[in-house]
Amino acid sequence: MKRLHVHVGVNDLNRSIQFYSQLFAAAPTVTKNDYAKWMLDDPRVNFAISVRPAESTGVRHLGIQAENKDELAEVYARLEAADAPVFEEGQTTCCYAKSEKSWINDPQGVAWETFYTTGESTTYGGGSEGAAPESDAATKPAATSCCGPRALDSVT
């Protein structure tokens, strides 16, 4: 069963962990010095927060997390059918996890990530987020690091 993914940028990690732990009635399943994640079953969501500058706080991206390769293939087929450029990132490390992922932007420019996590990582990583090909400048996000919208110089 797939899981909704929401990633929020925060400027006070400890205060945000306290707030969301109360809201979800659960402690984070992953806590780092710049990141926390809750894998909740009610509601079924992968909710993550990471430290960001004040001007970059708020919802960073949304996503669909597959639990196996068959689900990922199903979601990828939906991306291909959508009327927007897809950035196939493939294997990457981001948010202390190793994943296979692709990105698409909705008509308003909201970045959607589709991914299947294949393992943990000891580093935050530097994968792309919300990357749209150069040919779609109207919905292409600005550049930053992993888990922040990122533009590509070219997509092959």
N, C-alpha and C. Protein backbone atom coordinates (compact mmCIF):
# COMPACT_ATOMS: atom_id res chain seq x y z
N MET A 1 0.84 -1.17 0.00
CA MET A 1 0.00 0.00 0.00
C MET A 1 0.89 1.24 0.00
N LYS A 2 0.57 2.14 -0.89
CA LYS A 2 1.35 3.37 -1.00
C LYS A 2 1.09 4.29 0.20
N ARG A 3 2.01 5.23 0.39
CA ARG A 3 1.95 6.15 1.52
C ARG A 3 2.15 7.57 1.01
N LEU A 4 1.33 8.52 1.48
CA LEU A 4 1.52 9.92 1.15
C LEU A 4 2.78 10.43 1.83
N HIS A 5 3.53 11.28 1.15
CA HIS A 5 4.74 11.87 1.71
C HIS A 5 4.58 13.39 1.71
N VAL A 6 4.89 14.01 2.83
CA VAL A 6 4.87 15.47 2.97
C VAL A 6 6.19 15.88 3.61
N HIS A 7 6.86 16.88 3.03
CA HIS A 7 8.13 17.37 3.58
C HIS A 7 7.98 18.87 3.84
N VAL A 8 8.23 19.27 5.08
CA VAL A 8 8.08 20.66 5.51
C VAL A 8 9.44 21.20 5.95
N GLY A 9 9.79 22.39 5.51
CA GLY A 9 10.99 23.09 5.96
C GLY A 9 10.67 23.85 7.24
N VAL A 10 11.55 23.76 8.22
CA VAL A 10 11.36 24.44 9.51
C VAL A 10 12.62 25.20 9.89
N ASN A 11 12.48 26.21 10.77
CA ASN A 11 13.69 26.92 11.21
C ASN A 11 14.07 26.59 12.64
N ASP A 12 13.22 25.87 13.38
CA ASP A 12 13.53 25.44 14.75
C ASP A 12 13.16 23.96 14.85
N LEU A 13 14.15 23.10 14.63
CA LEU A 13 13.89 21.66 14.57
C LEU A 13 13.34 21.13 15.89
N ASN A 14 13.96 21.48 17.03
CA ASN A 14 13.50 20.94 18.31
C ASN A 14 12.07 21.33 18.62
N ARG A 15 11.75 22.59 18.42
CA ARG A 15 10.38 23.05 18.67
C ARG A 15 9.39 22.35 17.73
N SER A 16 9.79 22.17 16.47
CA SER A 16 8.93 21.50 15.50
C SER A 16 8.75 20.03 15.84
N ILE A 17 9.82 19.37 16.30
CA ILE A 17 9.69 17.97 16.72
C ILE A 17 8.69 17.87 17.87
N GLN A 18 8.78 18.77 18.83
CA GLN A 18 7.83 18.76 19.95
C GLN A 18 6.41 18.95 19.45
N PHE A 19 6.20 19.92 18.56
CA PHE A 19 4.87 20.21 18.04
C PHE A 19 4.29 18.99 17.30
N TYR A 20 5.05 18.47 16.33
CA TYR A 20 4.53 17.37 15.53
C TYR A 20 4.40 16.08 16.32
N SER A 21 5.26 15.87 17.31
CA SER A 21 5.12 14.68 18.17
C SER A 21 3.80 14.74 18.94
N GLN A 22 3.44 15.93 19.40
CA GLN A 22 2.14 16.10 20.07
C GLN A 22 0.99 15.91 19.09
N LEU A 23 1.11 16.53 17.92
CA LEU A 23 0.06 16.44 16.92
C LEU A 23 -0.19 14.99 16.49
N PHE A 24 0.88 14.24 16.28
CA PHE A 24 0.77 12.86 15.80
C PHE A 24 0.68 11.84 16.93
N ALA A 25 0.85 12.29 18.19
CA ALA A 25 0.88 11.38 19.35
C ALA A 25 1.92 10.28 19.15
N ALA A 26 3.06 10.69 18.61
CA ALA A 26 4.15 9.74 18.35
C ALA A 26 5.47 10.49 18.22
N ALA A 27 6.53 9.83 18.64
CA ALA A 27 7.87 10.37 18.45
C ALA A 27 8.32 10.10 17.02
N PRO A 28 9.26 10.87 16.50
CA PRO A 28 9.78 10.60 15.16
C PRO A 28 10.43 9.21 15.09
N THR A 29 10.37 8.60 13.92
CA THR A 29 11.03 7.31 13.71
C THR A 29 12.49 7.51 13.32
N VAL A 30 12.81 8.71 12.79
CA VAL A 30 14.18 9.09 12.46
C VAL A 30 14.40 10.50 12.97
N THR A 31 15.52 10.70 13.69
CA THR A 31 15.88 12.05 14.16
C THR A 31 17.36 12.26 13.91
N LYS A 32 17.69 13.33 13.20
CA LYS A 32 19.07 13.74 12.96
C LYS A 32 19.22 15.18 13.44
N ASN A 33 20.39 15.76 13.34
CA ASN A 33 20.58 17.13 13.81
C ASN A 33 19.91 18.17 12.93
N ASP A 34 19.47 17.79 11.72
CA ASP A 34 18.83 18.72 10.80
C ASP A 34 17.56 18.17 10.16
N TYR A 35 17.04 17.05 10.70
CA TYR A 35 15.97 16.32 10.01
C TYR A 35 15.23 15.42 11.00
N ALA A 36 13.94 15.24 10.77
CA ALA A 36 13.15 14.27 11.53
C ALA A 36 12.07 13.71 10.61
N LYS A 37 11.67 12.47 10.87
CA LYS A 37 10.65 11.83 10.03
C LYS A 37 9.75 10.96 10.90
N TRP A 38 8.45 11.02 10.60
CA TRP A 38 7.45 10.17 11.23
C TRP A 38 6.87 9.26 10.15
N MET A 39 6.89 7.96 10.37
CA MET A 39 6.23 7.00 9.47
C MET A 39 4.95 6.57 10.17
N LEU A 40 3.87 7.26 9.84
CA LEU A 40 2.60 7.07 10.54
C LEU A 40 1.68 6.13 9.76
N ASP A 41 0.88 5.38 10.52
CA ASP A 41 -0.12 4.53 9.91
C ASP A 41 -1.52 5.12 10.01
N ASP A 42 -1.69 6.10 10.88
CA ASP A 42 -3.00 6.75 11.03
C ASP A 42 -2.81 8.24 11.26
N PRO A 43 -2.82 9.06 10.24
CA PRO A 43 -3.02 8.72 8.83
C PRO A 43 -1.76 8.10 8.23
N ARG A 44 -1.93 7.36 7.17
CA ARG A 44 -0.81 6.67 6.52
C ARG A 44 0.02 7.70 5.74
N VAL A 45 1.07 8.20 6.40
CA VAL A 45 1.88 9.26 5.81
C VAL A 45 3.33 9.14 6.25
N ASN A 46 4.23 9.51 5.37
CA ASN A 46 5.65 9.71 5.67
C ASN A 46 5.79 11.22 5.78
N PHE A 47 5.86 11.73 7.00
CA PHE A 47 5.92 13.16 7.24
C PHE A 47 7.32 13.52 7.70
N ALA A 48 8.00 14.39 6.95
CA ALA A 48 9.38 14.75 7.26
C ALA A 48 9.51 16.26 7.42
N ILE A 49 10.46 16.65 8.29
CA ILE A 49 10.81 18.06 8.45
C ILE A 49 12.33 18.17 8.35
N SER A 50 12.79 19.31 7.85
CA SER A 50 14.23 19.56 7.80
C SER A 50 14.47 21.05 8.01
N VAL A 51 15.63 21.36 8.56
CA VAL A 51 15.99 22.74 8.86
C VAL A 51 16.20 23.50 7.56
N ARG A 52 15.57 24.67 7.47
CA ARG A 52 15.67 25.55 6.30
C ARG A 52 15.77 26.98 6.76
N PRO A 53 16.32 27.87 5.94
CA PRO A 53 16.31 29.30 6.28
C PRO A 53 14.86 29.79 6.32
N ALA A 54 14.62 30.87 7.04
CA ALA A 54 13.26 31.39 7.24
C ALA A 54 12.50 31.57 5.93
N GLU A 55 13.18 32.03 4.88
CA GLU A 55 12.49 32.26 3.62
C GLU A 55 12.15 30.97 2.87
N SER A 56 12.63 29.82 3.36
CA SER A 56 12.37 28.54 2.70
C SER A 56 11.58 27.58 3.57
N THR A 57 10.91 28.09 4.60
CA THR A 57 10.12 27.20 5.45
C THR A 57 8.75 26.95 4.83
N GLY A 58 8.06 25.98 5.36
CA GLY A 58 6.74 25.61 4.85
C GLY A 58 6.82 24.33 4.05
N VAL A 59 5.74 23.99 3.37
CA VAL A 59 5.69 22.75 2.60
C VAL A 59 6.73 22.81 1.49
N ARG A 60 7.62 21.83 1.47
CA ARG A 60 8.70 21.76 0.48
C ARG A 60 8.26 20.97 -0.75
N HIS A 61 7.65 19.82 -0.52
CA HIS A 61 7.14 19.01 -1.62
C HIS A 61 6.17 17.97 -1.06
N LEU A 62 5.43 17.36 -1.96
CA LEU A 62 4.53 16.25 -1.64
C LEU A 62 5.03 15.04 -2.41
N GLY A 63 4.55 13.86 -2.03
CA GLY A 63 5.01 12.69 -2.74
C GLY A 63 4.17 11.47 -2.49
N ILE A 64 4.50 10.43 -3.25
CA ILE A 64 3.90 9.11 -3.08
C ILE A 64 5.04 8.13 -2.88
N GLN A 65 5.04 7.47 -1.74
CA GLN A 65 6.08 6.48 -1.42
C GLN A 65 5.53 5.10 -1.71
N ALA A 66 6.19 4.37 -2.59
CA ALA A 66 5.81 2.99 -2.90
C ALA A 66 6.49 2.05 -1.91
N GLU A 67 5.84 0.94 -1.64
CA GLU A 67 6.41 -0.04 -0.72
C GLU A 67 7.18 -1.15 -1.42
N ASN A 68 7.07 -1.21 -2.76
CA ASN A 68 7.81 -2.21 -3.51
C ASN A 68 7.97 -1.74 -4.95
N LYS A 69 8.75 -2.46 -5.74
CA LYS A 69 9.04 -2.04 -7.11
C LYS A 69 7.81 -2.09 -8.00
N ASP A 70 6.89 -3.02 -7.75
CA ASP A 70 5.67 -3.07 -8.55
C ASP A 70 4.82 -1.83 -8.34
N GLU A 71 4.67 -1.39 -7.09
CA GLU A 71 3.93 -0.15 -6.83
C GLU A 71 4.62 1.04 -7.47
N LEU A 72 5.96 1.07 -7.41
CA LEU A 72 6.70 2.17 -8.02
C LEU A 72 6.45 2.20 -9.53
N ALA A 73 6.44 1.04 -10.18
CA ALA A 73 6.18 0.98 -11.62
C ALA A 73 4.77 1.50 -11.92
N GLU A 74 3.81 1.17 -11.06
CA GLU A 74 2.43 1.66 -11.24
C GLU A 74 2.38 3.19 -11.17
N VAL A 75 3.05 3.76 -10.17
CA VAL A 75 3.05 5.21 -10.01
C VAL A 75 3.81 5.87 -11.16
N TYR A 76 4.93 5.28 -11.58
CA TYR A 76 5.69 5.83 -12.71
C TYR A 76 4.82 5.87 -13.97
N ALA A 77 4.01 4.84 -14.19
CA ALA A 77 3.12 4.82 -15.35
C ALA A 77 2.13 5.99 -15.28
N ARG A 78 1.66 6.31 -14.08
CA ARG A 78 0.75 7.45 -13.91
C ARG A 78 1.47 8.76 -14.23
N LEU A 79 2.73 8.87 -13.82
CA LEU A 79 3.50 10.07 -14.12
C LEU A 79 3.64 10.26 -15.63
N GLU A 80 3.95 9.19 -16.31
CA GLU A 80 4.12 9.26 -17.76
C GLU A 80 2.84 9.68 -18.45
N ALA A 81 1.68 9.33 -17.88
CA ALA A 81 0.39 9.69 -18.47
C ALA A 81 -0.01 11.13 -18.15
N ALA A 82 0.60 11.73 -17.14
CA ALA A 82 0.29 13.11 -16.77
C ALA A 82 0.83 14.06 -17.84
N ASP A 83 0.22 15.21 -17.95
CA ASP A 83 0.61 16.18 -18.97
C ASP A 83 1.65 17.15 -18.43
N ALA A 84 2.84 16.61 -18.07
CA ALA A 84 3.92 17.44 -17.55
C ALA A 84 5.23 16.68 -17.71
N PRO A 85 6.35 17.40 -17.81
CA PRO A 85 7.66 16.74 -17.91
C PRO A 85 7.99 15.98 -16.63
N VAL A 86 8.57 14.80 -16.79
CA VAL A 86 8.99 13.97 -15.66
C VAL A 86 10.50 13.95 -15.62
N PHE A 87 11.06 14.18 -14.43
CA PHE A 87 12.49 14.04 -14.23
C PHE A 87 12.73 12.71 -13.53
N GLU A 88 13.33 11.75 -14.23
CA GLU A 88 13.64 10.45 -13.66
C GLU A 88 15.01 10.51 -13.02
N GLU A 89 15.02 10.66 -11.70
CA GLU A 89 16.28 10.79 -10.98
C GLU A 89 16.99 9.46 -10.83
N GLY A 90 16.24 8.38 -10.73
CA GLY A 90 16.83 7.05 -10.56
C GLY A 90 17.33 6.86 -9.14
N GLN A 91 18.42 6.10 -8.97
CA GLN A 91 18.98 5.83 -7.65
C GLN A 91 19.64 7.09 -7.11
N THR A 92 19.32 7.45 -5.86
CA THR A 92 19.87 8.65 -5.25
C THR A 92 19.88 8.51 -3.74
N THR A 93 20.58 9.41 -3.09
CA THR A 93 20.58 9.49 -1.63
C THR A 93 20.05 10.86 -1.26
N CYS A 94 19.00 10.89 -0.42
CA CYS A 94 18.39 12.12 0.02
C CYS A 94 17.64 11.84 1.32
N CYS A 95 17.70 12.76 2.25
CA CYS A 95 16.97 12.64 3.52
C CYS A 95 17.36 11.38 4.29
N TYR A 96 18.66 11.11 4.31
CA TYR A 96 19.20 9.97 5.05
C TYR A 96 18.66 8.63 4.55
N ALA A 97 18.28 8.58 3.27
CA ALA A 97 17.76 7.33 2.70
C ALA A 97 18.28 7.16 1.27
N LYS A 98 18.41 5.90 0.88
CA LYS A 98 18.73 5.55 -0.51
C LYS A 98 17.41 5.19 -1.17
N SER A 99 17.17 5.79 -2.32
CA SER A 99 15.89 5.60 -2.98
C SER A 99 16.04 5.62 -4.49
N GLU A 100 15.02 5.10 -5.14
CA GLU A 100 14.84 5.29 -6.58
C GLU A 100 13.67 6.24 -6.70
N LYS A 101 13.84 7.34 -7.47
CA LYS A 101 12.76 8.32 -7.51
C LYS A 101 12.68 9.07 -8.82
N SER A 102 11.50 9.63 -9.02
CA SER A 102 11.22 10.54 -10.13
C SER A 102 10.43 11.71 -9.59
N TRP A 103 10.43 12.82 -10.34
CA TRP A 103 9.78 14.06 -9.94
C TRP A 103 8.90 14.58 -11.06
N ILE A 104 7.83 15.27 -10.67
CA ILE A 104 6.96 15.96 -11.61
C ILE A 104 6.41 17.18 -10.89
N ASN A 105 6.13 18.25 -11.62
CA ASN A 105 5.50 19.43 -11.05
C ASN A 105 4.06 19.49 -11.53
N ASP A 106 3.14 19.81 -10.62
CA ASP A 106 1.75 19.96 -11.03
C ASP A 106 1.60 21.28 -11.78
N PRO A 107 0.42 21.57 -12.34
CA PRO A 107 0.26 22.80 -13.13
C PRO A 107 0.56 24.09 -12.37
N GLN A 108 0.50 24.07 -11.03
CA GLN A 108 0.83 25.26 -10.23
C GLN A 108 2.30 25.31 -9.85
N GLY A 109 3.07 24.28 -10.21
CA GLY A 109 4.48 24.24 -9.87
C GLY A 109 4.80 23.51 -8.59
N VAL A 110 3.80 22.86 -7.97
CA VAL A 110 4.06 22.08 -6.75
C VAL A 110 4.82 20.81 -7.14
N ALA A 111 5.95 20.60 -6.48
CA ALA A 111 6.79 19.44 -6.75
C ALA A 111 6.21 18.18 -6.10
N TRP A 112 6.10 17.11 -6.90
CA TRP A 112 5.66 15.80 -6.43
C TRP A 112 6.79 14.81 -6.67
N GLU A 113 7.14 14.09 -5.63
CA GLU A 113 8.19 13.08 -5.67
C GLU A 113 7.51 11.71 -5.63
N THR A 114 7.97 10.78 -6.45
CA THR A 114 7.53 9.39 -6.35
C THR A 114 8.78 8.57 -6.10
N PHE A 115 8.72 7.69 -5.09
CA PHE A 115 9.96 7.00 -4.73
C PHE A 115 9.70 5.67 -4.03
N TYR A 116 10.75 4.84 -4.06
CA TYR A 116 10.80 3.57 -3.35
C TYR A 116 12.12 3.58 -2.59
N THR A 117 12.05 3.52 -1.26
CA THR A 117 13.24 3.54 -0.43
C THR A 117 13.88 2.16 -0.39
N THR A 118 15.19 2.11 -0.71
CA THR A 118 15.90 0.84 -0.77
C THR A 118 16.86 0.64 0.40
N GLY A 119 17.07 1.67 1.22
CA GLY A 119 17.97 1.53 2.36
C GLY A 119 18.20 2.85 3.06
N GLU A 120 18.94 2.78 4.15
CA GLU A 120 19.27 3.97 4.93
C GLU A 120 20.62 4.53 4.49
N SER A 121 20.87 5.79 4.86
CA SER A 121 22.14 6.43 4.57
C SER A 121 22.59 7.19 5.82
N THR A 122 23.89 7.31 6.00
CA THR A 122 24.40 8.09 7.13
C THR A 122 24.55 9.56 6.78
N THR A 123 24.34 9.91 5.50
CA THR A 123 24.42 11.30 5.07
C THR A 123 23.07 11.78 4.57
N TYR A 124 22.85 13.09 4.66
CA TYR A 124 21.58 13.67 4.20
C TYR A 124 21.41 13.47 2.71
N GLY A 125 22.49 13.61 1.95
CA GLY A 125 22.44 13.40 0.51
C GLY A 125 22.30 14.70 -0.25
N GLY A 126 22.18 14.59 -1.55
CA GLY A 126 22.08 15.78 -2.38
C GLY A 126 21.25 15.56 -3.61
N GLY A 127 20.20 14.73 -3.51
CA GLY A 127 19.36 14.45 -4.67
C GLY A 127 18.57 15.65 -5.13
N SER A 128 18.01 15.56 -6.31
CA SER A 128 17.19 16.64 -6.87
C SER A 128 15.80 16.59 -6.29
N GLU A 129 15.14 17.73 -6.29
CA GLU A 129 13.75 17.78 -5.87
C GLU A 129 12.99 18.69 -6.80
N GLY A 130 11.88 18.20 -7.29
CA GLY A 130 11.02 19.02 -8.12
C GLY A 130 11.73 19.52 -9.36
N ALA A 131 12.60 18.71 -9.91
CA ALA A 131 13.37 19.16 -11.06
C ALA A 131 12.56 19.00 -12.33
N ALA A 132 12.43 20.05 -13.08
CA ALA A 132 11.76 20.01 -14.36
C ALA A 132 12.78 20.32 -15.45
N PRO A 133 12.59 19.74 -16.63
CA PRO A 133 13.52 20.03 -17.72
C PRO A 133 13.52 21.52 -18.05
N GLU A 134 14.64 21.99 -18.60
CA GLU A 134 14.79 23.39 -18.97
C GLU A 134 13.69 23.85 -19.92
N SER A 135 13.14 22.93 -20.73
CA SER A 135 12.14 23.31 -21.71
C SER A 135 10.83 23.74 -21.07
N ASP A 136 10.66 23.49 -19.78
CA ASP A 136 9.42 23.84 -19.10
C ASP A 136 9.69 24.90 -18.04
N ALA A 137 10.23 26.03 -18.45
CA ALA A 137 10.65 27.08 -17.51
C ALA A 137 9.50 27.62 -16.69
N ALA A 138 8.25 27.54 -17.18
CA ALA A 138 7.11 28.11 -16.45
C ALA A 138 6.86 27.39 -15.14
N THR A 139 7.17 26.09 -15.06
CA THR A 139 6.91 25.35 -13.83
C THR A 139 8.18 24.85 -13.18
N LYS A 140 9.34 25.31 -13.65
CA LYS A 140 10.61 24.84 -13.11
C LYS A 140 10.93 25.56 -11.81
N PRO A 141 11.18 24.81 -10.72
CA PRO A 141 11.52 25.45 -9.45
C PRO A 141 12.91 26.04 -9.44
N ALA A 142 13.17 26.84 -8.43
CA ALA A 142 14.49 27.44 -8.23
C ALA A 142 15.49 26.40 -7.74
N ALA A 143 16.77 26.72 -7.76
CA ALA A 143 17.80 25.76 -7.38
C ALA A 143 18.09 25.80 -5.88
N THR A 144 18.25 24.61 -5.28
CA THR A 144 18.77 24.44 -3.93
C THR A 144 19.24 23.00 -3.79
N SER A 145 19.41 22.52 -2.57
CA SER A 145 19.93 21.17 -2.33
C SER A 145 18.81 20.15 -2.19
N CYS A 146 19.21 18.94 -1.79
CA CYS A 146 18.26 17.85 -1.55
C CYS A 146 17.07 18.35 -0.73
N CYS A 147 15.90 17.94 -1.12
CA CYS A 147 14.66 18.29 -0.42
C CYS A 147 14.37 19.78 -0.44
N GLY A 148 14.75 20.43 -1.49
CA GLY A 148 14.39 21.80 -1.79
C GLY A 148 14.32 21.90 -3.29
N PRO A 149 13.36 22.57 -3.86
CA PRO A 149 13.23 22.60 -5.32
C PRO A 149 14.57 22.86 -5.99
N ARG A 150 14.80 22.18 -7.09
CA ARG A 150 16.09 22.26 -7.77
C ARG A 150 15.87 22.22 -9.28
N ALA A 151 16.51 23.10 -9.98
CA ALA A 151 16.44 23.13 -11.43
C ALA A 151 17.63 22.37 -11.99
N LEU A 152 17.46 21.81 -13.16
CA LEU A 152 18.55 21.09 -13.81
C LEU A 152 19.05 21.90 -14.99
N ASP A 153 20.34 21.80 -15.24
CA ASP A 153 20.90 22.45 -16.43
C ASP A 153 20.43 21.73 -17.68
N SER A 154 20.33 20.41 -17.60
CA SER A 154 19.82 19.64 -18.74
C SER A 154 19.34 18.29 -18.24
N VAL A 155 18.41 17.74 -18.95
CA VAL A 155 17.89 16.42 -18.66
C VAL A 155 18.07 15.59 -19.91
N THR A 156 18.68 14.42 -19.74
CA THR A 156 18.90 13.55 -20.89
C THR A 156 17.98 12.38 -20.86
